[in-house]
Amino acid sequence: MTATTEKVVLPPIPAKRYFTIGEVSELCGVKPHVLRYWEQEFTQLKPVKRRGNRRYYQHHEVLLIRRIRELLYEQGFTINGARNRLDSRGDVVEEPVREMDRQVHAVTAKPASSVDVEQLRRDLLNVLDVLSH
């Protein structure tokens, strides 16, 4: 299997705590049924499940899914190969932490006047909704 040379540019991950499977699908360029399958294949991937078995992914899991996608689709690894790569290198922890640090810095580096208060309000209401179920 040959790896593709073209890297797909994915949208930035919003600064929020929980993401639905639909949001993760869009953020990672992977269909929801693929995400559900990957949950079975990669033990590190454990979204929180709430009412009706709805999945809520956290920020670090979105980063992990992007890494899995990169290994499988861009570098040409098999599922077993990607699983072994993630287990042996430990880069599942290192890379997401670096990426999260960059994103947190980008969010906190904004002047207070540029904070989107309405978006922040919506994000907080989403968190409350998730926590209340």
Protein backbone atom coordinates (compact mmCIF):
# COMPACT_ATOMS: atom_id res chain seq x y z
CA MET A 1 0.00 0.00 0.00
CA THR A 2 1.46 3.37 -0.93
CA ALA A 3 0.98 6.53 1.07
CA THR A 4 -0.50 9.53 -0.63
CA THR A 5 1.79 12.52 -0.88
CA GLU A 6 -0.89 15.18 -0.60
CA LYS A 7 -1.79 16.19 2.95
CA VAL A 8 -5.42 17.18 3.52
CA VAL A 9 -5.94 20.49 5.29
CA LEU A 10 -8.47 20.00 8.06
CA PRO A 11 -10.43 22.84 9.70
CA PRO A 12 -9.19 24.25 13.01
CA ILE A 13 -10.59 22.61 16.12
CA PRO A 14 -12.84 25.03 18.05
CA ALA A 15 -11.96 25.76 21.66
CA LYS A 16 -14.66 23.69 23.33
CA ARG A 17 -14.62 20.65 25.56
CA TYR A 18 -17.03 18.22 23.92
CA PHE A 19 -17.80 17.43 20.29
CA THR A 20 -20.59 15.32 18.80
CA ILE A 21 -19.78 12.54 16.36
CA GLY A 22 -21.06 14.75 13.52
CA GLU A 23 -18.74 17.58 14.51
CA VAL A 24 -15.77 15.22 14.81
CA SER A 25 -16.63 13.74 11.43
CA GLU A 26 -16.39 17.20 9.84
CA LEU A 27 -13.31 18.24 11.82
CA CYS A 28 -11.40 15.07 10.91
CA GLY A 29 -12.70 14.33 7.41
CA VAL A 30 -13.94 10.87 8.43
CA LYS A 31 -17.49 9.48 8.25
CA PRO A 32 -19.28 8.71 11.56
CA HIS A 33 -19.40 4.96 10.89
CA VAL A 34 -15.61 4.99 10.48
CA LEU A 35 -15.25 6.75 13.86
CA ARG A 36 -17.43 4.09 15.51
CA TYR A 37 -15.29 1.37 13.91
CA TRP A 38 -12.07 3.03 15.06
CA GLU A 39 -13.39 3.04 18.64
CA GLN A 40 -13.33 -0.77 18.46
CA GLU A 41 -9.85 -0.90 16.93
CA PHE A 42 -8.02 1.76 18.96
CA THR A 43 -8.41 1.34 22.71
CA GLN A 44 -7.16 4.89 23.33
CA LEU A 45 -10.33 6.22 21.70
CA LYS A 46 -13.05 6.31 24.38
CA PRO A 47 -15.67 9.01 23.88
CA VAL A 48 -18.03 9.78 26.75
CA LYS A 49 -21.44 8.24 26.13
CA ARG A 50 -24.55 9.99 27.39
CA ARG A 51 -28.29 9.49 26.99
CA GLY A 52 -29.30 7.39 24.04
CA ASN A 53 -25.67 6.21 23.72
CA ARG A 54 -24.69 9.56 22.17
CA ARG A 55 -20.98 10.00 21.86
CA TYR A 56 -19.16 13.12 23.04
CA TYR A 57 -15.52 13.37 22.10
CA GLN A 58 -13.05 15.50 24.01
CA HIS A 59 -10.40 17.71 22.43
CA HIS A 60 -7.57 15.18 22.90
CA GLU A 61 -9.67 12.51 21.19
CA VAL A 62 -10.22 14.74 18.17
CA LEU A 63 -6.45 15.15 17.95
CA LEU A 64 -6.01 11.37 18.30
CA ILE A 65 -8.52 10.76 15.49
CA ARG A 66 -6.61 13.19 13.27
CA ARG A 67 -3.40 11.27 14.03
CA ILE A 68 -5.06 7.93 13.25
CA ARG A 69 -6.42 9.40 10.01
CA GLU A 70 -2.95 10.65 9.07
CA LEU A 71 -1.38 7.25 9.73
CA LEU A 72 -4.03 5.35 7.77
CA TYR A 73 -4.88 7.68 4.90
CA GLU A 74 -1.74 9.74 4.37
CA GLN A 75 1.08 7.44 5.49
CA GLY A 76 -0.54 4.22 4.26
CA PHE A 77 -0.48 2.23 7.50
CA THR A 78 -2.86 -0.68 8.08
CA ILE A 79 -5.07 -0.66 11.18
CA ASN A 80 -2.61 -3.01 12.91
CA GLY A 81 0.35 -0.93 11.77
CA ALA A 82 -1.24 2.30 12.99
CA ARG A 83 -2.17 0.69 16.31
CA ASN A 84 1.40 -0.54 16.77
CA ARG A 85 2.82 2.83 15.78
CA LEU A 86 0.65 4.63 18.32
CA ASP A 87 1.45 2.10 21.06
CA SER A 88 5.20 1.93 20.44
CA ARG A 89 6.02 5.57 19.81
CA GLY A 90 3.77 7.10 22.41
CA ASP A 91 3.25 9.97 19.98
CA VAL A 92 -0.46 9.80 20.75
CA VAL A 93 0.31 11.69 23.93
CA GLU A 94 3.13 13.91 22.75
CA GLU A 95 1.69 15.27 19.50
CA PRO A 96 -1.79 16.10 20.85
CA VAL A 97 -0.24 17.89 23.80
CA ARG A 98 1.93 20.01 21.49
CA GLU A 99 -1.03 20.73 19.21
CA MET A 100 -3.26 21.57 22.18
CA ASP A 101 -0.59 23.90 23.58
CA ARG A 102 -0.45 25.73 20.24
CA GLN A 103 -4.23 26.06 20.08
CA VAL A 104 -4.60 27.14 23.71
CA HIS A 105 -1.88 29.71 23.20
CA ALA A 106 -3.64 31.00 20.07
CA VAL A 107 -6.91 31.36 22.00
CA THR A 108 -5.37 32.97 25.07
CA ALA A 109 -3.12 35.26 23.03
CA LYS A 110 -6.16 37.17 21.70
CA PRO A 111 -6.89 40.52 23.29
CA ALA A 112 -9.97 40.46 25.52
CA SER A 113 -11.83 42.73 23.09
CA SER A 114 -11.69 40.08 20.34
CA VAL A 115 -13.38 37.34 22.39
CA ASP A 116 -16.64 36.22 20.76
CA VAL A 117 -18.89 36.39 23.81
CA GLU A 118 -21.86 34.83 22.01
CA GLN A 119 -19.75 31.84 20.88
CA LEU A 120 -18.38 31.47 24.40
CA ARG A 121 -21.96 31.53 25.74
CA ARG A 122 -23.04 28.84 23.24
CA ASP A 123 -20.04 26.67 24.14
CA LEU A 124 -20.79 26.96 27.86
CA LEU A 125 -24.44 26.07 27.27
CA ASN A 126 -23.29 23.02 25.28
CA VAL A 127 -21.10 21.92 28.18
CA LEU A 128 -24.00 22.39 30.62
CA ASP A 129 -26.24 20.35 28.34
CA VAL A 130 -23.72 17.52 28.14
CA LEU A 131 -23.12 17.52 31.89
CA SER A 132 -26.83 17.55 32.73
CA HIS A 133 -27.52 14.31 30.86
